[in-house]
PDB file of N, CA and C in Angstrom:
ATOM      1  N   UNK A   1      92.792  79.695 111.886  1.00  0.00           N
ATOM      2  CA  UNK A   1      93.482  80.385 110.812  1.00  0.00           C
ATOM      3  C   UNK A   1      92.873  80.018 109.459  1.00  0.00           C
ATOM      4  N   UNK A   2      92.540  78.734 109.279  1.00  0.00           N
ATOM      5  CA  UNK A   2      91.935  78.282 108.030  1.00  0.00           C
ATOM      6  C   UNK A   2      90.590  78.975 107.799  1.00  0.00           C
ATOM      7  N   UNK A   3      89.840  79.190 108.864  1.00  0.00           N
ATOM      8  CA  UNK A   3      88.553  79.879 108.748  1.00  0.00           C
ATOM      9  C   UNK A   3      88.749  81.284 108.218  1.00  0.00           C
ATOM     10  N   UNK A   4      89.727  81.993 108.738  1.00  0.00           N
ATOM     11  CA  UNK A   4      89.995  83.354 108.280  1.00  0.00           C
ATOM     12  C   UNK A   4      90.361  83.370 106.797  1.00  0.00           C
ATOM     13  N   UNK A   5      91.158  82.420 106.356  1.00  0.00           N
ATOM     14  CA  UNK A   5      91.544  82.343 104.947  1.00  0.00           C
ATOM     15  C   UNK A   5      90.306  82.139 104.074  1.00  0.00           C
ATOM     16  N   UNK A   6      89.429  81.225 104.464  1.00  0.00           N
ATOM     17  CA  UNK A   6      88.211  81.002 103.679  1.00  0.00           C
ATOM     18  C   UNK A   6      87.298  82.225 103.698  1.00  0.00           C
ATOM     19  N   UNK A   7      87.190  82.892 104.838  1.00  0.00           N
ATOM     20  CA  UNK A   7      86.404  84.121 104.898  1.00  0.00           C
ATOM     21  C   UNK A   7      86.970  85.180 103.952  1.00  0.00           C
ATOM     22  N   UNK A   8      88.281  85.327 103.922  1.00  0.00           N
ATOM     23  CA  UNK A   8      88.900  86.334 103.052  1.00  0.00           C
ATOM     24  C   UNK A   8      88.743  85.982 101.578  1.00  0.00           C
ATOM     25  N   UNK A   9      88.856  84.711 101.244  1.00  0.00           N
ATOM     26  CA  UNK A   9      88.608  84.283  99.864  1.00  0.00           C
ATOM     27  C   UNK A   9      87.156  84.576  99.483  1.00  0.00           C
ATOM     28  N   UNK A  10      86.236  84.250 100.393  1.00  0.00           N
ATOM     29  CA  UNK A  10      84.821  84.524 100.144  1.00  0.00           C
ATOM     30  C   UNK A  10      84.582  86.014  99.941  1.00  0.00           C
ATOM     31  N   UNK A  11      85.195  86.834 100.768  1.00  0.00           N
ATOM     32  CA  UNK A  11      85.006  88.283 100.661  1.00  0.00           C
ATOM     33  C   UNK A  11      85.529  88.816  99.331  1.00  0.00           C
ATOM     34  N   UNK A  12      86.700  88.352  98.922  1.00  0.00           N
ATOM     35  CA  UNK A  12      87.252  88.789  97.624  1.00  0.00           C
ATOM     36  C   UNK A  12      86.315  88.382  96.488  1.00  0.00           C
ATOM     37  N   UNK A  13      85.793  87.162  96.553  1.00  0.00           N
ATOM     38  CA  UNK A  13      84.869  86.702  95.529  1.00  0.00           C
ATOM     39  C   UNK A  13      83.583  87.498  95.507  1.00  0.00           C
ATOM     40  N   UNK A  14      83.018  87.725  96.671  1.00  0.00           N
ATOM     41  CA  UNK A  14      81.742  88.444  96.723  1.00  0.00           C
ATOM     42  C   UNK A  14      81.896  89.895  96.302  1.00  0.00           C
ATOM     43  N   UNK A  15      82.886  90.567  96.838  1.00  0.00           N
ATOM     44  CA  UNK A  15      83.034  91.993  96.540  1.00  0.00           C
ATOM     45  C   UNK A  15      83.364  92.207  95.065  1.00  0.00           C
ATOM     46  N   UNK A  16      84.315  91.448  94.538  1.00  0.00           N
ATOM     47  CA  UNK A  16      84.664  91.635  93.127  1.00  0.00           C
ATOM     48  C   UNK A  16      83.516  91.201  92.215  1.00  0.00           C
ATOM     49  N   UNK A  17      82.818  90.136  92.588  1.00  0.00           N
ATOM     50  CA  UNK A  17      81.681  89.695  91.791  1.00  0.00           C
ATOM     51  C   UNK A  17      80.558  90.717  91.763  1.00  0.00           C
ATOM     52  N   UNK A  18      80.224  91.238  92.912  1.00  0.00           N
ATOM     53  CA  UNK A  18      79.170  92.252  92.971  1.00  0.00           C
ATOM     54  C   UNK A  18      79.602  93.549  92.293  1.00  0.00           C
ATOM     55  N   UNK A  19      80.895  93.879  92.412  1.00  0.00           N
ATOM     56  CA  UNK A  19      81.384  95.104  91.781  1.00  0.00           C
ATOM     57  C   UNK A  19      81.290  95.010  90.262  1.00  0.00           C
ATOM     58  N   UNK A  20      81.411  93.805  89.710  1.00  0.00           N
ATOM     59  CA  UNK A  20      81.291  93.675  88.257  1.00  0.00           C
ATOM     60  C   UNK A  20      79.889  94.089  87.792  1.00  0.00           C
ATOM     61  N   UNK A  21      78.872  93.765  88.582  1.00  0.00           N
ATOM     62  CA  UNK A  21      77.519  94.205  88.260  1.00  0.00           C
ATOM     63  C   UNK A  21      77.376  95.716  88.466  1.00  0.00           C
ATOM     64  N   UNK A  22      78.001  96.241  89.498  1.00  0.00           N
ATOM     65  CA  UNK A  22      78.005  97.684  89.753  1.00  0.00           C
ATOM     66  C   UNK A  22      78.620  98.407  88.551  1.00  0.00           C
ATOM     67  N   UNK A  23      79.766  97.878  88.079  1.00  0.00           N
ATOM     68  CA  UNK A  23      80.448  98.501  86.937  1.00  0.00           C
ATOM     69  C   UNK A  23      79.556  98.485  85.693  1.00  0.00           C
ATOM     70  N   UNK A  24      78.878  97.365  85.477  1.00  0.00           N
ATOM     71  CA  UNK A  24      78.001  97.260  84.310  1.00  0.00           C
ATOM     72  C   UNK A  24      76.797  98.196  84.431  1.00  0.00           C
ATOM     73  N   UNK A  25      76.098  98.140  85.559  1.00  0.00           N
ATOM     74  CA  UNK A  25      74.836  98.866  85.699  1.00  0.00           C
ATOM     75  C   UNK A  25      74.984 100.324  86.124  1.00  0.00           C
ATOM     76  N   UNK A  26      76.033 100.642  86.881  1.00  0.00           N
ATOM     77  CA  UNK A  26      76.170 102.006  87.398  1.00  0.00           C
ATOM     78  C   UNK A  26      77.261 102.813  86.708  1.00  0.00           C
ATOM     79  N   UNK A  27      78.262 102.121  86.169  1.00  0.00           N
ATOM     80  CA  UNK A  27      79.389 102.828  85.550  1.00  0.00           C
ATOM     81  C   UNK A  27      79.374 102.725  84.025  1.00  0.00           C
ATOM     82  N   UNK A  28      78.379 102.055  83.487  1.00  0.00           N
ATOM     83  CA  UNK A  28      78.240 101.966  82.038  1.00  0.00           C
ATOM     84  C   UNK A  28      79.244 101.066  81.343  1.00  0.00           C
ATOM     85  N   UNK A  29      79.818 100.130  82.054  1.00  0.00           N
ATOM     86  CA  UNK A  29      80.764  99.192  81.449  1.00  0.00           C
ATOM     87  C   UNK A  29      80.005  98.137  80.648  1.00  0.00           C
ATOM     88  N   UNK A  30      80.731  97.387  79.852  1.00  0.00           N
ATOM     89  CA  UNK A  30      80.148  96.337  79.022  1.00  0.00           C
ATOM     90  C   UNK A  30      79.472  95.266  79.877  1.00  0.00           C
ATOM     91  N   UNK A  31      78.425  94.678  79.317  1.00  0.00           N
ATOM     92  CA  UNK A  31      77.750  93.567  79.994  1.00  0.00           C
ATOM     93  C   UNK A  31      78.702  92.387  80.199  1.00  0.00           C
ATOM     94  N   UNK A  32      79.768  92.335  79.423  1.00  0.00           N
ATOM     95  CA  UNK A  32      80.751  91.261  79.563  1.00  0.00           C
ATOM     96  C   UNK A  32      81.459  91.297  80.923  1.00  0.00           C
ATOM     97  N   UNK A  33      81.363  92.419  81.622  1.00  0.00           N
ATOM     98  CA  UNK A  33      81.940  92.510  82.964  1.00  0.00           C
ATOM     99  C   UNK A  33      81.328  91.499  83.919  1.00  0.00           C
ATOM    100  N   UNK A  34      80.106  91.081  83.643  1.00  0.00           N
ATOM    101  CA  UNK A  34      79.466  90.166  84.589  1.00  0.00           C
ATOM    102  C   UNK A  34      79.965  88.726  84.460  1.00  0.00           C
ATOM    103  N   UNK A  35      80.640  88.385  83.371  1.00  0.00           N
ATOM    104  CA  UNK A  35      81.149  87.011  83.229  1.00  0.00           C
ATOM    105  C   UNK A  35      82.166  86.692  84.325  1.00  0.00           C
ATOM    106  N   UNK A  36      83.238  87.484  84.492  1.00  0.00           N
ATOM    107  CA  UNK A  36      84.134  87.194  85.611  1.00  0.00           C
ATOM    108  C   UNK A  36      83.453  87.428  86.962  1.00  0.00           C
ATOM    109  N   UNK A  37      82.454  88.301  86.967  1.00  0.00           N
ATOM    110  CA  UNK A  37      81.715  88.545  88.199  1.00  0.00           C
ATOM    111  C   UNK A  37      80.969  87.323  88.684  1.00  0.00           C
ATOM    112  N   UNK A  38      80.321  86.632  87.771  1.00  0.00           N
ATOM    113  CA  UNK A  38      79.601  85.408  88.134  1.00  0.00           C
ATOM    114  C   UNK A  38      80.585  84.349  88.627  1.00  0.00           C
ATOM    115  N   UNK A  39      81.724  84.233  87.971  1.00  0.00           N
ATOM    116  CA  UNK A  39      82.743  83.273  88.420  1.00  0.00           C
ATOM    117  C   UNK A  39      83.248  83.634  89.818  1.00  0.00           C
ATOM    118  N   UNK A  40      83.437  84.926  90.066  1.00  0.00           N
ATOM    119  CA  UNK A  40      83.883  85.365  91.388  1.00  0.00           C
ATOM    120  C   UNK A  40      82.833  85.046  92.449  1.00  0.00           C
ATOM    121  N   UNK A  41      81.560  85.214  92.109  1.00  0.00           N
ATOM    122  CA  UNK A  41      80.496  84.883  93.060  1.00  0.00           C
ATOM    123  C   UNK A  41      80.439  83.381  93.327  1.00  0.00           C
ATOM    124  N   UNK A  42      80.795  82.585  92.347  1.00  0.00           N
ATOM    125  CA  UNK A  42      80.893  81.135  92.550  1.00  0.00           C
ATOM    126  C   UNK A  42      82.013  80.822  93.543  1.00  0.00           C
ATOM    127  N   UNK A  43      83.146  81.478  93.406  1.00  0.00           N
ATOM    128  CA  UNK A  43      84.252  81.315  94.363  1.00  0.00           C
ATOM    129  C   UNK A  43      83.776  81.688  95.764  1.00  0.00           C
ATOM    130  N   UNK A  44      83.049  82.787  95.877  1.00  0.00           N
ATOM    131  CA  UNK A  44      82.492  83.220  97.159  1.00  0.00           C
ATOM    132  C   UNK A  44      81.642  82.124  97.797  1.00  0.00           C
ATOM    133  N   UNK A  45      80.716  81.584  97.026  1.00  0.00           N
ATOM    134  CA  UNK A  45      79.798  80.582  97.572  1.00  0.00           C
ATOM    135  C   UNK A  45      80.531  79.319  98.007  1.00  0.00           C
ATOM    136  N   UNK A  46      81.459  78.865  97.199  1.00  0.00           N
ATOM    137  CA  UNK A  46      82.203  77.648  97.542  1.00  0.00           C
ATOM    138  C   UNK A  46      83.071  77.889  98.778  1.00  0.00           C
ATOM    139  N   UNK A  47      83.759  79.028  98.832  1.00  0.00           N
ATOM    140  CA  UNK A  47      84.632  79.321  99.980  1.00  0.00           C
ATOM    141  C   UNK A  47      83.833  79.372 101.280  1.00  0.00           C
ATOM    142  N   UNK A  48      82.656  79.973 101.226  1.00  0.00           N
ATOM    143  CA  UNK A  48      81.866  80.103 102.456  1.00  0.00           C
ATOM    144  C   UNK A  48      81.395  78.750 102.968  1.00  0.00           C
ATOM    145  N   UNK A  49      81.227  77.770 102.078  1.00  0.00           N
ATOM    146  CA  UNK A  49      80.812  76.437 102.536  1.00  0.00           C
ATOM    147  C   UNK A  49      81.946  75.696 103.243  1.00  0.00           C
ATOM    148  N   UNK A  50      83.161  76.197 103.150  1.00  0.00           N
ATOM    149  CA  UNK A  50      84.308  75.531 103.767  1.00  0.00           C
ATOM    150  C   UNK A  50      84.515  75.936 105.226  1.00  0.00           C
ATOM    151  N   UNK A  51      83.735  76.893 105.715  1.00  0.00           N
ATOM    152  CA  UNK A  51      83.855  77.348 107.097  1.00  0.00           C
ATOM    153  C   UNK A  51      83.398  76.225 108.025  1.00  0.00           C
ATOM    154  N   UNK A  52      84.175  75.960 109.052  1.00  0.00           N
ATOM    155  CA  UNK A  52      83.909  74.843 109.950  1.00  0.00           C
ATOM    156  C   UNK A  52      82.957  75.248 111.085  1.00  0.00           C
ATOM    157  N   UNK A  53      81.690  75.354 110.738  1.00  0.00           N
ATOM    158  CA  UNK A  53      80.625  75.570 111.724  1.00  0.00           C
ATOM    159  C   UNK A  53      79.494  74.608 111.389  1.00  0.00           C
ATOM    160  N   UNK A  54      78.638  74.370 112.347  1.00  0.00           N
ATOM    161  CA  UNK A  54      77.572  73.381 112.167  1.00  0.00           C
ATOM    162  C   UNK A  54      76.400  73.878 111.327  1.00  0.00           C
ATOM    163  N   UNK A  55      76.201  75.192 111.277  1.00  0.00           N
ATOM    164  CA  UNK A  55      75.017  75.727 110.615  1.00  0.00           C
ATOM    165  C   UNK A  55      75.397  76.839 109.645  1.00  0.00           C
ATOM    166  N   UNK A  56      74.755  76.843 108.493  1.00  0.00           N
ATOM    167  CA  UNK A  56      75.031  77.846 107.465  1.00  0.00           C
ATOM    168  C   UNK A  56      74.778  79.259 107.983  1.00  0.00           C
ATOM    169  N   UNK A  57      73.683  79.440 108.694  1.00  0.00           N
ATOM    170  CA  UNK A  57      73.346  80.772 109.201  1.00  0.00           C
ATOM    171  C   UNK A  57      74.423  81.349 110.094  1.00  0.00           C
ATOM    172  N   UNK A  58      75.056  80.506 110.884  1.00  0.00           N
ATOM    173  CA  UNK A  58      76.141  80.967 111.767  1.00  0.00           C
ATOM    174  C   UNK A  58      77.359  81.385 110.938  1.00  0.00           C
ATOM    175  N   UNK A  59      77.668  80.628 109.896  1.00  0.00           N
ATOM    176  CA  UNK A  59      78.784  80.999 109.011  1.00  0.00           C
ATOM    177  C   UNK A  59      78.493  82.336 108.341  1.00  0.00           C
ATOM    178  N   UNK A  60      77.260  82.523 107.866  1.00  0.00           N
ATOM    179  CA  UNK A  60      76.904  83.772 107.197  1.00  0.00           C
ATOM    180  C   UNK A  60      76.958  84.951 108.167  1.00  0.00           C
ATOM    181  N   UNK A  61      76.474  84.739 109.374  1.00  0.00           N
ATOM    182  CA  UNK A  61      76.477  85.808 110.370  1.00  0.00           C
ATOM    183  C   UNK A  61      77.908  86.211 110.739  1.00  0.00           C
ATOM    184  N   UNK A  62      78.755  85.228 110.974  1.00  0.00           N
ATOM    185  CA  UNK A  62      80.141  85.523 111.331  1.00  0.00           C
ATOM    186  C   UNK A  62      80.871  86.186 110.168  1.00  0.00           C
ATOM    187  N   UNK A  63      80.537  85.797 108.949  1.00  0.00           N
ATOM    188  CA  UNK A  63      81.160  86.364 107.758  1.00  0.00           C
ATOM    189  C   UNK A  63      80.878  87.859 107.612  1.00  0.00           C
ATOM    190  N   UNK A  64      79.778  88.318 108.177  1.00  0.00           N
ATOM    191  CA  UNK A  64      79.392  89.722 108.028  1.00  0.00           C
ATOM    192  C   UNK A  64      80.497  90.704 108.394  1.00  0.00           C
ATOM    193  N   UNK A  65      81.173  90.479 109.502  1.00  0.00           N
ATOM    194  CA  UNK A  65      82.249  91.380 109.920  1.00  0.00           C
ATOM    195  C   UNK A  65      83.423  91.356 108.962  1.00  0.00           C
ATOM    196  N   UNK A  66      83.753  90.174 108.452  1.00  0.00           N
ATOM    197  CA  UNK A  66      84.841  90.047 107.479  1.00  0.00           C
ATOM    198  C   UNK A  66      84.463  90.766 106.191  1.00  0.00           C
ATOM    199  N   UNK A  67      83.209  90.653 105.790  1.00  0.00           N
ATOM    200  CA  UNK A  67      82.737  91.337 104.588  1.00  0.00           C
ATOM    201  C   UNK A  67      82.829  92.854 104.749  1.00  0.00           C
ATOM    202  N   UNK A  68      82.421  93.367 105.891  1.00  0.00           N
ATOM    203  CA  UNK A  68      82.487  94.809 106.122  1.00  0.00           C
ATOM    204  C   UNK A  68      83.938  95.280 106.091  1.00  0.00           C
ATOM    205  N   UNK A  69      84.819  94.551 106.761  1.00  0.00           N
ATOM    206  CA  UNK A  69      86.247  94.891 106.755  1.00  0.00           C
ATOM    207  C   UNK A  69      86.788  94.886 105.322  1.00  0.00           C
ATOM    208  N   UNK A  70      86.492  93.844 104.579  1.00  0.00           N
ATOM    209  CA  UNK A  70      86.988  93.718 103.210  1.00  0.00           C
ATOM    210  C   UNK A  70      86.407  94.793 102.294  1.00  0.00           C
ATOM    211  N   UNK A  71      85.165  95.169 102.527  1.00  0.00           N
ATOM    212  CA  UNK A  71      84.544  96.227 101.736  1.00  0.00           C
ATOM    213  C   UNK A  71      85.251  97.563 101.932  1.00  0.00           C
ATOM    214  N   UNK A  72      85.671  97.824 103.157  1.00  0.00           N
ATOM    215  CA  UNK A  72      86.398  99.073 103.410  1.00  0.00           C
ATOM    216  C   UNK A  72      87.788  99.047 102.782  1.00  0.00           C
ATOM    217  N   UNK A  73      88.412  97.879 102.750  1.00  0.00           N
ATOM    218  CA  UNK A  73      89.688  97.747 102.037  1.00  0.00           C
ATOM    219  C   UNK A  73      89.459  98.009 100.551  1.00  0.00           C
ATOM    220  N   UNK A  74      88.393  97.442  99.998  1.00  0.00           N
ATOM    221  CA  UNK A  74      88.045  97.674  98.589  1.00  0.00           C
ATOM    222  C   UNK A  74      87.814  99.163  98.342  1.00  0.00           C
ATOM    223  N   UNK A  75      87.057  99.799  99.216  1.00  0.00           N
ATOM    224  CA  UNK A  75      86.785 101.234  99.102  1.00  0.00           C
ATOM    225  C   UNK A  75      88.091 102.012  98.977  1.00  0.00           C
ATOM    226  N   UNK A  76      89.056 101.661  99.814  1.00  0.00           N
ATOM    227  CA  UNK A  76      90.324 102.370  99.869  1.00  0.00           C
ATOM    228  C   UNK A  76      91.207 102.054  98.653  1.00  0.00           C
ATOM    229  N   UNK A  77      91.377 100.763  98.342  1.00  0.00           N
ATOM    230  CA  UNK A  77      92.315 100.366  97.286  1.00  0.00           C
ATOM    231  C   UNK A  77      91.703 100.521  95.887  1.00  0.00           C
ATOM    232  N   UNK A  78      90.510  99.994  95.683  1.00  0.00           N
ATOM    233  CA  UNK A  78      89.924  99.975  94.341  1.00  0.00           C
ATOM    234  C   UNK A  78      89.255 101.291  93.969  1.00  0.00           C
ATOM    235  N   UNK A  79      88.669 101.965  94.964  1.00  0.00           N
ATOM    236  CA  UNK A  79      87.931 103.186  94.648  1.00  0.00           C
ATOM    237  C   UNK A  79      88.644 104.461  95.095  1.00  0.00           C
ATOM    238  N   UNK A  80      89.749 104.303  95.786  1.00  0.00           N
ATOM    239  CA  UNK A  80      90.561 105.459  96.149  1.00  0.00           C
ATOM    240  C   UNK A  80      89.986 106.358  97.233  1.00  0.00           C
ATOM    241  N   UNK A  81      89.083 105.815  98.061  1.00  0.00           N
ATOM    242  CA  UNK A  81      88.477 106.587  99.147  1.00  0.00           C
ATOM    243  C   UNK A  81      88.942 106.003 100.473  1.00  0.00           C
ATOM    244  N   UNK A  82      89.630 106.816 101.258  1.00  0.00           N
ATOM    245  CA  UNK A  82      90.131 106.342 102.548  1.00  0.00           C
ATOM    246  C   UNK A  82      88.973 106.264 103.551  1.00  0.00           C
ATOM    247  N   UNK A  83      88.825 105.114 104.225  1.00  0.00           N
ATOM    248  CA  UNK A  83      87.776 104.995 105.248  1.00  0.00           C
ATOM    249  C   UNK A  83      87.974 106.044 106.353  1.00  0.00           C
ATOM    250  N   UNK A  84      86.863 106.586 106.830  1.00  0.00           N
ATOM    251  CA  UNK A  84      86.955 107.576 107.903  1.00  0.00           C
ATOM    252  C   UNK A  84      86.819 106.891 109.267  1.00  0.00           C
ATOM    253  N   UNK A  85      86.862 107.676 110.315  1.00  0.00           N
ATOM    254  CA  UNK A  85      86.836 107.100 111.672  1.00  0.00           C
ATOM    255  C   UNK A  85      85.542 106.352 111.951  1.00  0.00           C
ATOM    256  N   UNK A  86      84.444 106.776 111.345  1.00  0.00           N
ATOM    257  CA  UNK A  86      83.168 106.095 111.570  1.00  0.00           C
ATOM    258  C   UNK A  86      83.151 104.748 110.850  1.00  0.00           C
ATOM    259  N   UNK A  87      83.768 104.702 109.679  1.00  0.00           N
ATOM    260  CA  UNK A  87      83.923 103.415 108.996  1.00  0.00           C
ATOM    261  C   UNK A  87      84.731 102.458 109.871  1.00  0.00           C
ATOM    262  N   UNK A  88      85.817 102.967 110.432  1.00  0.00           N
ATOM    263  CA  UNK A  88      86.695 102.126 111.255  1.00  0.00           C
ATOM    264  C   UNK A  88      86.009 101.685 112.541  1.00  0.00           C
ATOM    265  N   UNK A  89      85.236 102.576 113.156  1.00  0.00           N
ATOM    266  CA  UNK A  89      84.481 102.197 114.347  1.00  0.00           C
ATOM    267  C   UNK A  89      83.447 101.124 114.004  1.00  0.00           C
ATOM    268  N   UNK A  90      82.755 101.304 112.899  1.00  0.00           N
ATOM    269  CA  UNK A  90      81.748 100.325 112.477  1.00  0.00           C
ATOM    270  C   UNK A  90      82.349  98.955 112.217  1.00  0.00           C
ATOM    271  N   UNK A  91      83.507  98.927 111.554  1.00  0.00           N
ATOM    272  CA  UNK A  91      84.134  97.635 111.279  1.00  0.00           C
ATOM    273  C   UNK A  91      84.647  96.999 112.564  1.00  0.00           C
ATOM    274  N   UNK A  92      85.120  97.808 113.506  1.00  0.00           N
ATOM    275  CA  UNK A  92      85.576  97.253 114.784  1.00  0.00           C
ATOM    276  C   UNK A  92      84.421  96.585 115.527  1.00  0.00           C
ATOM    277  N   UNK A  93      83.267  97.231 115.538  1.00  0.00           N
ATOM    278  CA  UNK A  93      82.092  96.660 116.195  1.00  0.00           C
ATOM    279  C   UNK A  93      81.668  95.364 115.493  1.00  0.00           C
ATOM    280  N   UNK A  94      81.671  95.383 114.169  1.00  0.00           N
ATOM    281  CA  UNK A  94      81.245  94.185 113.440  1.00  0.00           C
ATOM    282  C   UNK A  94      82.228  93.032 113.627  1.00  0.00           C
ATOM    283  N   UNK A  95      83.528  93.320 113.691  1.00  0.00           N
ATOM    284  CA  UNK A  95      84.513  92.260 113.922  1.00  0.00           C
ATOM    285  C   UNK A  95      84.404  91.703 115.340  1.00  0.00           C
ATOM    286  N   UNK A  96      84.010  92.539 116.281  1.00  0.00           N
ATOM    287  CA  UNK A  96      83.740  92.040 117.632  1.00  0.00           C
ATOM    288  C   UNK A  96      82.584  91.036 117.572  1.00  0.00           C
ATOM    289  N   UNK A  97      81.546  91.381 116.828  1.00  0.00           N
ATOM    290  CA  UNK A  97      80.416  90.464 116.667  1.00  0.00           C
ATOM    291  C   UNK A  97      80.829  89.165 115.996  1.00  0.00           C
ATOM    292  N   UNK A  98      81.661  89.260 114.978  1.00  0.00           N
ATOM    293  CA  UNK A  98      82.170  88.065 114.309  1.00  0.00           C
ATOM    294  C   UNK A  98      82.923  87.175 115.291  1.00  0.00           C
ATOM    295  N   UNK A  99      83.763  87.784 116.110  1.00  0.00           N
ATOM    296  CA  UNK A  99      84.543  87.025 117.094  1.00  0.00           C
ATOM    297  C   UNK A  99      83.641  86.328 118.103  1.00  0.00           C
ATOM    298  N   UNK A 100      82.630  87.032 118.556  1.00  0.00           N
ATOM    299  CA  UNK A 100      81.703  86.430 119.527  1.00  0.00           C
ATOM    300  C   UNK A 100      81.016  85.227 118.910  1.00  0.00           C
ATOM    301  N   UNK A 101      80.551  85.365 117.674  1.00  0.00           N
ATOM    302  CA  UNK A 101      79.853  84.262 117.012  1.00  0.00           C
ATOM    303  C   UNK A 101      80.776  83.070 116.812  1.00  0.00           C
ATOM    304  N   UNK A 102      81.993  83.328 116.338  1.00  0.00           N
ATOM    305  CA  UNK A 102      82.923  82.231 116.025  1.00  0.00           C
ATOM    306  C   UNK A 102      83.502  81.544 117.244  1.00  0.00           C
ATOM    307  N   UNK A 103      83.784  82.305 118.288  1.00  0.00           N
ATOM    308  CA  UNK A 103      84.538  81.742 119.400  1.00  0.00           C
ATOM    309  C   UNK A 103      83.700  81.444 120.652  1.00  0.00           C
ATOM    310  N   UNK A 104      82.435  81.777 120.602  1.00  0.00           N
ATOM    311  CA  UNK A 104      81.563  81.463 121.738  1.00  0.00           C
ATOM    312  C   UNK A 104      81.322  79.955 121.778  1.00  0.00           C
ATOM    313  N   UNK A 105      81.039  79.476 122.946  1.00  0.00           N
ATOM    314  CA  UNK A 105      80.738  78.051 123.096  1.00  0.00           C
ATOM    315  C   UNK A 105      79.332  77.789 122.561  1.00  0.00           C
ATOM    316  N   UNK A 106      79.231  76.883 121.600  1.00  0.00           N
ATOM    317  CA  UNK A 106      77.935  76.508 121.020  1.00  0.00           C
ATOM    318  C   UNK A 106      77.669  75.041 121.295  1.00  0.00           C
ATOM    319  N   UNK A 107      76.483  74.756 121.751  1.00  0.00           N
ATOM    320  CA  UNK A 107      76.094  73.365 122.005  1.00  0.00           C
ATOM    321  C   UNK A 107      75.443  72.769 120.796  1.00  0.00           C
TER     322      UNK A 107
END
């Protein structure tokens, strides 16, 4: 359960941090948008280091499914676009991959 919480914190940090750059560069917002964005990316990096796995690459790989899921939530809530069935199928496949990585027996 703690792993899921850290993954979700990381996802919120990464998505909001990256979106601040999107807003600045693609939506014409002030460059000041990147200040909270950089702080959010710092939260992302710190949260991801709290995942209880032996190797960074495994944490990053498992995080991928959580990131995809969180991105679709962002798409729906922040951008007002409801994910379609292909988005949902893609996230289901990626979450299956996340589960395999996290819960498989590793030596």
